[in-house]
Amino acid sequence: MKKQLVRISILQSSKIMTAMYVLLGFIYTLIGIPMVMFGSKQLHIIGFVYIFMPVVMGILGFIFFVIFSALYNFLAKLLGGFEVEVKDSEPEV
């Protein structure tokens, strides 16, 4: 059975992607903390930027995914959506 993804919920999918970007941004925080604690004055500045990356990545991730979702929805109307093949399977016992 083949199905098509013809619409992406803009707000709901953007909230999920924002959460994922924020979680990914915590990697930068882990890099920034030692820079602030042990680095020179220049590294302190870069370290503080790294510490605030979850917020920056969350905001930018939300904005760009809203744009992506709206663009996908527009193009899916014109060209059709992603085609996905779905198969029913028996649950493992």
PDB file of N, CA and C in Angstrom:
ATOM      1  N   MET A   1       0.849  -1.161   0.000  1.00  0.00           N
ATOM      2  CA  MET A   1       0.000   0.000   0.000  1.00  0.00           C
ATOM      3  C   MET A   1       0.907   1.240   0.000  1.00  0.00           C
ATOM      4  N   LYS A   2       0.700   2.106  -0.963  1.00  0.00           N
ATOM      5  CA  LYS A   2       1.501   3.317  -1.055  1.00  0.00           C
ATOM      6  C   LYS A   2       0.688   4.503  -0.583  1.00  0.00           C
ATOM      7  N   LYS A   3       1.340   5.378   0.154  1.00  0.00           N
ATOM      8  CA  LYS A   3       0.696   6.592   0.657  1.00  0.00           C
ATOM      9  C   LYS A   3       1.616   7.768   0.376  1.00  0.00           C
ATOM     10  N   GLN A   4       1.051   8.957   0.390  1.00  0.00           N
ATOM     11  CA  GLN A   4       1.836  10.163   0.164  1.00  0.00           C
ATOM     12  C   GLN A   4       1.712  11.099   1.354  1.00  0.00           C
ATOM     13  N   LEU A   5       2.850  11.691   1.725  1.00  0.00           N
ATOM     14  CA  LEU A   5       2.861  12.755   2.722  1.00  0.00           C
ATOM     15  C   LEU A   5       2.625  14.052   1.969  1.00  0.00           C
ATOM     16  N   VAL A   6       1.446  14.629   2.137  1.00  0.00           N
ATOM     17  CA  VAL A   6       1.082  15.806   1.345  1.00  0.00           C
ATOM     18  C   VAL A   6       1.047  17.086   2.154  1.00  0.00           C
ATOM     19  N   ARG A   7       1.181  16.979   3.476  1.00  0.00           N
ATOM     20  CA  ARG A   7       1.162  18.189   4.292  1.00  0.00           C
ATOM     21  C   ARG A   7       1.929  17.936   5.586  1.00  0.00           C
ATOM     22  N   ILE A   8       2.689  18.930   6.000  1.00  0.00           N
ATOM     23  CA  ILE A   8       3.395  18.900   7.274  1.00  0.00           C
ATOM     24  C   ILE A   8       2.746  19.955   8.165  1.00  0.00           C
ATOM     25  N   SER A   9       2.377  19.574   9.370  1.00  0.00           N
ATOM     26  CA  SER A   9       1.830  20.526  10.324  1.00  0.00           C
ATOM     27  C   SER A   9       2.933  21.523  10.697  1.00  0.00           C
ATOM     28  N   ILE A  10       2.757  22.758  10.371  1.00  0.00           N
ATOM     29  CA  ILE A  10       3.816  23.749  10.520  1.00  0.00           C
ATOM     30  C   ILE A  10       4.161  23.980  11.983  1.00  0.00           C
ATOM     31  N   LEU A  11       3.199  24.270  12.817  1.00  0.00           N
ATOM     32  CA  LEU A  11       3.499  24.614  14.208  1.00  0.00           C
ATOM     33  C   LEU A  11       3.973  23.399  15.007  1.00  0.00           C
ATOM     34  N   GLN A  12       3.277  22.271  14.887  1.00  0.00           N
ATOM     35  CA  GLN A  12       3.634  21.099  15.678  1.00  0.00           C
ATOM     36  C   GLN A  12       5.012  20.560  15.297  1.00  0.00           C
ATOM     37  N   SER A  13       5.285  20.443  14.006  1.00  0.00           N
ATOM     38  CA  SER A  13       6.584  19.917  13.589  1.00  0.00           C
ATOM     39  C   SER A  13       7.699  20.908  13.922  1.00  0.00           C
ATOM     40  N   SER A  14       7.413  22.190  13.894  1.00  0.00           N
ATOM     41  CA  SER A  14       8.430  23.186  14.249  1.00  0.00           C
ATOM     42  C   SER A  14       8.743  23.136  15.740  1.00  0.00           C
ATOM     43  N   LYS A  15       7.748  22.851  16.576  1.00  0.00           N
ATOM     44  CA  LYS A  15       8.008  22.709  18.011  1.00  0.00           C
ATOM     45  C   LYS A  15       8.912  21.513  18.276  1.00  0.00           C
ATOM     46  N   ILE A  16       8.665  20.404  17.596  1.00  0.00           N
ATOM     47  CA  ILE A  16       9.494  19.209  17.769  1.00  0.00           C
ATOM     48  C   ILE A  16      10.920  19.486  17.306  1.00  0.00           C
ATOM     49  N   MET A  17      11.074  20.110  16.157  1.00  0.00           N
ATOM     50  CA  MET A  17      12.418  20.406  15.647  1.00  0.00           C
ATOM     51  C   MET A  17      13.143  21.399  16.550  1.00  0.00           C
ATOM     52  N   THR A  18      12.415  22.348  17.115  1.00  0.00           N
ATOM     53  CA  THR A  18      13.031  23.289  18.046  1.00  0.00           C
ATOM     54  C   THR A  18      13.590  22.548  19.251  1.00  0.00           C
ATOM     55  N   ALA A  19      12.823  21.624  19.797  1.00  0.00           N
ATOM     56  CA  ALA A  19      13.307  20.835  20.937  1.00  0.00           C
ATOM     57  C   ALA A  19      14.547  20.039  20.559  1.00  0.00           C
ATOM     58  N   MET A  20      14.572  19.487  19.359  1.00  0.00           N
ATOM     59  CA  MET A  20      15.747  18.715  18.931  1.00  0.00           C
ATOM     60  C   MET A  20      16.968  19.619  18.768  1.00  0.00           C
ATOM     61  N   TYR A  21      16.787  20.803  18.206  1.00  0.00           N
ATOM     62  CA  TYR A  21      17.904  21.738  18.056  1.00  0.00           C
ATOM     63  C   TYR A  21      18.431  22.216  19.404  1.00  0.00           C
ATOM     64  N   VAL A  22      17.533  22.441  20.346  1.00  0.00           N
ATOM     65  CA  VAL A  22      17.967  22.859  21.688  1.00  0.00           C
ATOM     66  C   VAL A  22      18.800  21.757  22.328  1.00  0.00           C
ATOM     67  N   LEU A  23      18.340  20.514  22.227  1.00  0.00           N
ATOM     68  CA  LEU A  23      19.113  19.402  22.775  1.00  0.00           C
ATOM     69  C   LEU A  23      20.474  19.281  22.098  1.00  0.00           C
ATOM     70  N   LEU A  24      20.506  19.449  20.798  1.00  0.00           N
ATOM     71  CA  LEU A  24      21.773  19.406  20.069  1.00  0.00           C
ATOM     72  C   LEU A  24      22.676  20.564  20.489  1.00  0.00           C
ATOM     73  N   GLY A  25      22.089  21.702  20.808  1.00  0.00           N
ATOM     74  CA  GLY A  25      22.862  22.871  21.228  1.00  0.00           C
ATOM     75  C   GLY A  25      23.577  22.677  22.550  1.00  0.00           C
ATOM     76  N   PHE A  26      23.103  21.740  23.374  1.00  0.00           N
ATOM     77  CA  PHE A  26      23.785  21.490  24.639  1.00  0.00           C
ATOM     78  C   PHE A  26      25.188  20.919  24.448  1.00  0.00           C
ATOM     79  N   ILE A  27      25.458  20.344  23.292  1.00  0.00           N
ATOM     80  CA  ILE A  27      26.824  19.906  22.988  1.00  0.00           C
ATOM     81  C   ILE A  27      27.752  21.120  22.984  1.00  0.00           C
ATOM     82  N   TYR A  28      27.295  22.212  22.404  1.00  0.00           N
ATOM     83  CA  TYR A  28      28.095  23.441  22.401  1.00  0.00           C
ATOM     84  C   TYR A  28      28.297  23.977  23.814  1.00  0.00           C
ATOM     85  N   THR A  29      27.275  23.819  24.649  1.00  0.00           N
ATOM     86  CA  THR A  29      27.405  24.270  26.034  1.00  0.00           C
ATOM     87  C   THR A  29      28.507  23.510  26.742  1.00  0.00           C
ATOM     88  N   LEU A  30      28.573  22.210  26.498  1.00  0.00           N
ATOM     89  CA  LEU A  30      29.632  21.404  27.116  1.00  0.00           C
ATOM     90  C   LEU A  30      31.023  21.820  26.641  1.00  0.00           C
ATOM     91  N   ILE A  31      31.110  22.333  25.443  1.00  0.00           N
ATOM     92  CA  ILE A  31      32.388  22.842  24.933  1.00  0.00           C
ATOM     93  C   ILE A  31      32.674  24.222  25.518  1.00  0.00           C
ATOM     94  N   GLY A  32      31.631  25.046  25.676  1.00  0.00           N
ATOM     95  CA  GLY A  32      31.810  26.420  26.133  1.00  0.00           C
ATOM     96  C   GLY A  32      32.168  26.557  27.600  1.00  0.00           C
ATOM     97  N   ILE A  33      31.692  25.658  28.440  1.00  0.00           N
ATOM     98  CA  ILE A  33      31.961  25.769  29.879  1.00  0.00           C
ATOM     99  C   ILE A  33      33.457  25.721  30.191  1.00  0.00           C
ATOM    100  N   PRO A  34      34.213  24.753  29.669  1.00  0.00           N
ATOM    101  CA  PRO A  34      35.659  24.777  29.941  1.00  0.00           C
ATOM    102  C   PRO A  34      36.363  26.004  29.360  1.00  0.00           C
ATOM    103  N   MET A  35      35.855  26.514  28.240  1.00  0.00           N
ATOM    104  CA  MET A  35      36.453  27.718  27.653  1.00  0.00           C
ATOM    105  C   MET A  35      36.309  28.902  28.605  1.00  0.00           C
ATOM    106  N   VAL A  36      35.150  29.010  29.233  1.00  0.00           N
ATOM    107  CA  VAL A  36      34.914  30.107  30.170  1.00  0.00           C
ATOM    108  C   VAL A  36      35.734  29.910  31.446  1.00  0.00           C
ATOM    109  N   MET A  37      35.806  28.681  31.913  1.00  0.00           N
ATOM    110  CA  MET A  37      36.485  28.420  33.182  1.00  0.00           C
ATOM    111  C   MET A  37      38.011  28.518  33.072  1.00  0.00           C
ATOM    112  N   PHE A  38      38.578  28.006  31.991  1.00  0.00           N
ATOM    113  CA  PHE A  38      40.029  27.871  31.910  1.00  0.00           C
ATOM    114  C   PHE A  38      40.690  28.681  30.799  1.00  0.00           C
ATOM    115  N   GLY A  39      39.905  29.328  29.962  1.00  0.00           N
ATOM    116  CA  GLY A  39      40.473  29.994  28.797  1.00  0.00           C
ATOM    117  C   GLY A  39      40.935  31.413  29.060  1.00  0.00           C
ATOM    118  N   SER A  40      41.565  31.962  28.059  1.00  0.00           N
ATOM    119  CA  SER A  40      41.998  33.360  28.109  1.00  0.00           C
ATOM    120  C   SER A  40      40.787  34.271  27.899  1.00  0.00           C
ATOM    121  N   LYS A  41      41.028  35.562  27.874  1.00  0.00           N
ATOM    122  CA  LYS A  41      39.934  36.532  27.732  1.00  0.00           C
ATOM    123  C   LYS A  41      39.176  36.336  26.417  1.00  0.00           C
ATOM    124  N   GLN A  42      39.911  36.068  25.341  1.00  0.00           N
ATOM    125  CA  GLN A  42      39.258  35.847  24.049  1.00  0.00           C
ATOM    126  C   GLN A  42      38.407  34.565  24.067  1.00  0.00           C
ATOM    127  N   LEU A  43      38.933  33.528  24.729  1.00  0.00           N
ATOM    128  CA  LEU A  43      38.171  32.283  24.808  1.00  0.00           C
ATOM    129  C   LEU A  43      36.937  32.431  25.695  1.00  0.00           C
ATOM    130  N   HIS A  44      36.973  33.346  26.662  1.00  0.00           N
ATOM    131  CA  HIS A  44      35.792  33.596  27.495  1.00  0.00           C
ATOM    132  C   HIS A  44      34.627  34.070  26.622  1.00  0.00           C
ATOM    133  N   ILE A  45      34.920  34.968  25.709  1.00  0.00           N
ATOM    134  CA  ILE A  45      33.868  35.505  24.835  1.00  0.00           C
ATOM    135  C   ILE A  45      33.288  34.398  23.967  1.00  0.00           C
ATOM    136  N   ILE A  46      34.161  33.618  23.353  1.00  0.00           N
ATOM    137  CA  ILE A  46      33.700  32.503  22.515  1.00  0.00           C
ATOM    138  C   ILE A  46      32.954  31.481  23.365  1.00  0.00           C
ATOM    139  N   GLY A  47      33.446  31.240  24.575  1.00  0.00           N
ATOM    140  CA  GLY A  47      32.792  30.296  25.472  1.00  0.00           C
ATOM    141  C   GLY A  47      31.381  30.711  25.830  1.00  0.00           C
ATOM    142  N   PHE A  48      31.178  32.006  26.090  1.00  0.00           N
ATOM    143  CA  PHE A  48      29.831  32.483  26.393  1.00  0.00           C
ATOM    144  C   PHE A  48      28.905  32.336  25.184  1.00  0.00           C
ATOM    145  N   VAL A  49      29.433  32.552  23.988  1.00  0.00           N
ATOM    146  CA  VAL A  49      28.627  32.327  22.777  1.00  0.00           C
ATOM    147  C   VAL A  49      28.218  30.861  22.706  1.00  0.00           C
ATOM    148  N   TYR A  50      29.155  29.958  22.982  1.00  0.00           N
ATOM    149  CA  TYR A  50      28.861  28.527  22.959  1.00  0.00           C
ATOM    150  C   TYR A  50      27.828  28.156  24.024  1.00  0.00           C
ATOM    151  N   ILE A  51      27.913  28.769  25.179  1.00  0.00           N
ATOM    152  CA  ILE A  51      26.968  28.456  26.256  1.00  0.00           C
ATOM    153  C   ILE A  51      25.537  28.832  25.864  1.00  0.00           C
ATOM    154  N   PHE A  52      25.368  29.899  25.117  1.00  0.00           N
ATOM    155  CA  PHE A  52      24.032  30.333  24.711  1.00  0.00           C
ATOM    156  C   PHE A  52      23.564  29.713  23.393  1.00  0.00           C
ATOM    157  N   MET A  53      24.336  28.772  22.845  1.00  0.00           N
ATOM    158  CA  MET A  53      23.960  28.148  21.578  1.00  0.00           C
ATOM    159  C   MET A  53      22.639  27.382  21.619  1.00  0.00           C
ATOM    160  N   PRO A  54      22.249  26.729  22.717  1.00  0.00           N
ATOM    161  CA  PRO A  54      20.930  26.074  22.695  1.00  0.00           C
ATOM    162  C   PRO A  54      19.797  27.054  22.412  1.00  0.00           C
ATOM    163  N   VAL A  55      19.889  28.253  22.973  1.00  0.00           N
ATOM    164  CA  VAL A  55      18.854  29.266  22.730  1.00  0.00           C
ATOM    165  C   VAL A  55      18.901  29.723  21.276  1.00  0.00           C
ATOM    166  N   VAL A  56      20.091  30.008  20.783  1.00  0.00           N
ATOM    167  CA  VAL A  56      20.248  30.474  19.398  1.00  0.00           C
ATOM    168  C   VAL A  56      19.786  29.397  18.419  1.00  0.00           C
ATOM    169  N   MET A  57      20.222  28.159  18.657  1.00  0.00           N
ATOM    170  CA  MET A  57      19.832  27.071  17.756  1.00  0.00           C
ATOM    171  C   MET A  57      18.333  26.809  17.818  1.00  0.00           C
ATOM    172  N   GLY A  58      17.733  26.953  18.993  1.00  0.00           N
ATOM    173  CA  GLY A  58      16.290  26.766  19.113  1.00  0.00           C
ATOM    174  C   GLY A  58      15.515  27.808  18.332  1.00  0.00           C
ATOM    175  N   ILE A  59      15.913  29.062  18.469  1.00  0.00           N
ATOM    176  CA  ILE A  59      15.219  30.146  17.754  1.00  0.00           C
ATOM    177  C   ILE A  59      15.386  29.996  16.245  1.00  0.00           C
ATOM    178  N   LEU A  60      16.627  29.816  15.800  1.00  0.00           N
ATOM    179  CA  LEU A  60      16.864  29.677  14.362  1.00  0.00           C
ATOM    180  C   LEU A  60      16.249  28.401  13.807  1.00  0.00           C
ATOM    181  N   GLY A  61      16.308  27.315  14.586  1.00  0.00           N
ATOM    182  CA  GLY A  61      15.698  26.066  14.144  1.00  0.00           C
ATOM    183  C   GLY A  61      14.199  26.212  13.949  1.00  0.00           C
ATOM    184  N   PHE A  62      13.544  26.907  14.878  1.00  0.00           N
ATOM    185  CA  PHE A  62      12.106  27.137  14.745  1.00  0.00           C
ATOM    186  C   PHE A  62      11.798  27.953  13.498  1.00  0.00           C
ATOM    187  N   ILE A  63      12.502  29.054  13.325  1.00  0.00           N
ATOM    188  CA  ILE A  63      12.241  29.940  12.183  1.00  0.00           C
ATOM    189  C   ILE A  63      12.449  29.216  10.861  1.00  0.00           C
ATOM    190  N   PHE A  64      13.579  28.532  10.730  1.00  0.00           N
ATOM    191  CA  PHE A  64      13.871  27.888   9.455  1.00  0.00           C
ATOM    192  C   PHE A  64      12.976  26.680   9.197  1.00  0.00           C
ATOM    193  N   PHE A  65      12.546  25.968  10.247  1.00  0.00           N
ATOM    194  CA  PHE A  65      11.652  24.841  10.001  1.00  0.00           C
ATOM    195  C   PHE A  65      10.250  25.313   9.656  1.00  0.00           C
ATOM    196  N   VAL A  66       9.832  26.457  10.191  1.00  0.00           N
ATOM    197  CA  VAL A  66       8.546  27.032   9.758  1.00  0.00           C
ATOM    198  C   VAL A  66       8.606  27.337   8.263  1.00  0.00           C
ATOM    199  N   ILE A  67       9.710  27.925   7.828  1.00  0.00           N
ATOM    200  CA  ILE A  67       9.877  28.240   6.399  1.00  0.00           C
ATOM    201  C   ILE A  67       9.898  26.953   5.578  1.00  0.00           C
ATOM    202  N   PHE A  68      10.665  25.940   6.052  1.00  0.00           N
ATOM    203  CA  PHE A  68      10.741  24.677   5.327  1.00  0.00           C
ATOM    204  C   PHE A  68       9.372  24.012   5.227  1.00  0.00           C
ATOM    205  N   SER A  69       8.626  23.972   6.319  1.00  0.00           N
ATOM    206  CA  SER A  69       7.316  23.319   6.321  1.00  0.00           C
ATOM    207  C   SER A  69       6.355  24.016   5.369  1.00  0.00           C
ATOM    208  N   ALA A  70       6.340  25.329   5.402  1.00  0.00           N
ATOM    209  CA  ALA A  70       5.453  26.080   4.509  1.00  0.00           C
ATOM    210  C   ALA A  70       5.853  25.854   3.048  1.00  0.00           C
ATOM    211  N   LEU A  71       7.142  25.838   2.786  1.00  0.00           N
ATOM    212  CA  LEU A  71       7.613  25.593   1.422  1.00  0.00           C
ATOM    213  C   LEU A  71       7.260  24.174   0.976  1.00  0.00           C
ATOM    214  N   TYR A  72       7.447  23.209   1.868  1.00  0.00           N
ATOM    215  CA  TYR A  72       7.079  21.824   1.522  1.00  0.00           C
ATOM    216  C   TYR A  72       5.584  21.725   1.219  1.00  0.00           C
ATOM    217  N   ASN A  73       4.745  22.322   2.068  1.00  0.00           N
ATOM    218  CA  ASN A  73       3.301  22.257   1.851  1.00  0.00           C
ATOM    219  C   ASN A  73       2.910  22.876   0.510  1.00  0.00           C
ATOM    220  N   PHE A  74       3.552  23.969   0.151  1.00  0.00           N
ATOM    221  CA  PHE A  74       3.279  24.616  -1.136  1.00  0.00           C
ATOM    222  C   PHE A  74       3.692  23.706  -2.292  1.00  0.00           C
ATOM    223  N   LEU A  75       4.923  23.166  -2.217  1.00  0.00           N
ATOM    224  CA  LEU A  75       5.416  22.321  -3.300  1.00  0.00           C
ATOM    225  C   LEU A  75       4.674  20.991  -3.380  1.00  0.00           C
ATOM    226  N   ALA A  76       4.231  20.466  -2.248  1.00  0.00           N
ATOM    227  CA  ALA A  76       3.497  19.198  -2.258  1.00  0.00           C
ATOM    228  C   ALA A  76       2.164  19.348  -2.980  1.00  0.00           C
ATOM    229  N   LYS A  77       1.546  20.527  -2.904  1.00  0.00           N
ATOM    230  CA  LYS A  77       0.303  20.763  -3.640  1.00  0.00           C
ATOM    231  C   LYS A  77       0.550  20.742  -5.143  1.00  0.00           C
ATOM    232  N   LEU A  78       1.699  21.288  -5.552  1.00  0.00           N
ATOM    233  CA  LEU A  78       2.008  21.354  -6.980  1.00  0.00           C
ATOM    234  C   LEU A  78       2.542  20.040  -7.534  1.00  0.00           C
ATOM    235  N   LEU A  79       3.422  19.390  -6.793  1.00  0.00           N
ATOM    236  CA  LEU A  79       4.163  18.243  -7.314  1.00  0.00           C
ATOM    237  C   LEU A  79       3.769  16.905  -6.701  1.00  0.00           C
ATOM    238  N   GLY A  80       3.032  16.939  -5.636  1.00  0.00           N
ATOM    239  CA  GLY A  80       2.742  15.719  -4.886  1.00  0.00           C
ATOM    240  C   GLY A  80       3.750  15.591  -3.757  1.00  0.00           C
ATOM    241  N   GLY A  81       3.393  14.820  -2.759  1.00  0.00           N
ATOM    242  CA  GLY A  81       4.249  14.712  -1.579  1.00  0.00           C
ATOM    243  C   GLY A  81       5.238  13.577  -1.687  1.00  0.00           C
ATOM    244  N   PHE A  82       5.917  13.292  -0.562  1.00  0.00           N
ATOM    245  CA  PHE A  82       6.800  12.142  -0.483  1.00  0.00           C
ATOM    246  C   PHE A  82       5.954  10.886  -0.622  1.00  0.00           C
ATOM    247  N   GLU A  83       6.463   9.920  -1.364  1.00  0.00           N
ATOM    248  CA  GLU A  83       5.753   8.659  -1.487  1.00  0.00           C
ATOM    249  C   GLU A  83       6.380   7.653  -0.531  1.00  0.00           C
ATOM    250  N   VAL A  84       5.529   7.055   0.285  1.00  0.00           N
ATOM    251  CA  VAL A  84       5.982   6.120   1.306  1.00  0.00           C
ATOM    252  C   VAL A  84       5.226   4.813   1.123  1.00  0.00           C
ATOM    253  N   GLU A  85       5.933   3.701   1.180  1.00  0.00           N
ATOM    254  CA  GLU A  85       5.280   2.398   1.089  1.00  0.00           C
ATOM    255  C   GLU A  85       5.084   1.867   2.500  1.00  0.00           C
ATOM    256  N   VAL A  86       3.849   1.529   2.819  1.00  0.00           N
ATOM    257  CA  VAL A  86       3.486   1.071   4.150  1.00  0.00           C
ATOM    258  C   VAL A  86       3.053  -0.388   4.058  1.00  0.00           C
ATOM    259  N   LYS A  87       3.536  -1.184   5.009  1.00  0.00           N
ATOM    260  CA  LYS A  87       3.199  -2.612   5.006  1.00  0.00           C
ATOM    261  C   LYS A  87       2.698  -3.005   6.384  1.00  0.00           C
ATOM    262  N   ASP A  88       1.548  -3.695   6.435  1.00  0.00           N
ATOM    263  CA  ASP A  88       1.058  -4.211   7.710  1.00  0.00           C
ATOM    264  C   ASP A  88       1.885  -5.442   8.072  1.00  0.00           C
ATOM    265  N   SER A  89       2.234  -5.544   9.349  1.00  0.00           N
ATOM    266  CA  SER A  89       2.974  -6.713   9.780  1.00  0.00           C
ATOM    267  C   SER A  89       2.343  -7.265  11.043  1.00  0.00           C
ATOM    268  N   GLU A  90       2.535  -8.526  11.254  1.00  0.00           N
ATOM    269  CA  GLU A  90       2.029  -9.187  12.440  1.00  0.00           C
ATOM    270  C   GLU A  90       2.931  -8.857  13.623  1.00  0.00           C
ATOM    271  N   PRO A  91       2.370  -8.585  14.806  1.00  0.00           N
ATOM    272  CA  PRO A  91       3.217  -8.306  15.974  1.00  0.00           C
ATOM    273  C   PRO A  91       3.968  -9.570  16.404  1.00  0.00           C
ATOM    274  N   GLU A  92       5.191  -9.364  16.863  1.00  0.00           N
ATOM    275  CA  GLU A  92       5.987 -10.488  17.340  1.00  0.00           C
ATOM    276  C   GLU A  92       5.479 -10.947  18.689  1.00  0.00           C
ATOM    277  N   VAL A  93       5.440 -12.250  18.874  1.00  0.00           N
ATOM    278  CA  VAL A  93       4.942 -12.805  20.124  1.00  0.00           C
ATOM    279  C   VAL A  93       6.088 -13.350  20.952  1.00  0.00           C
TER     280      VAL A  93
END
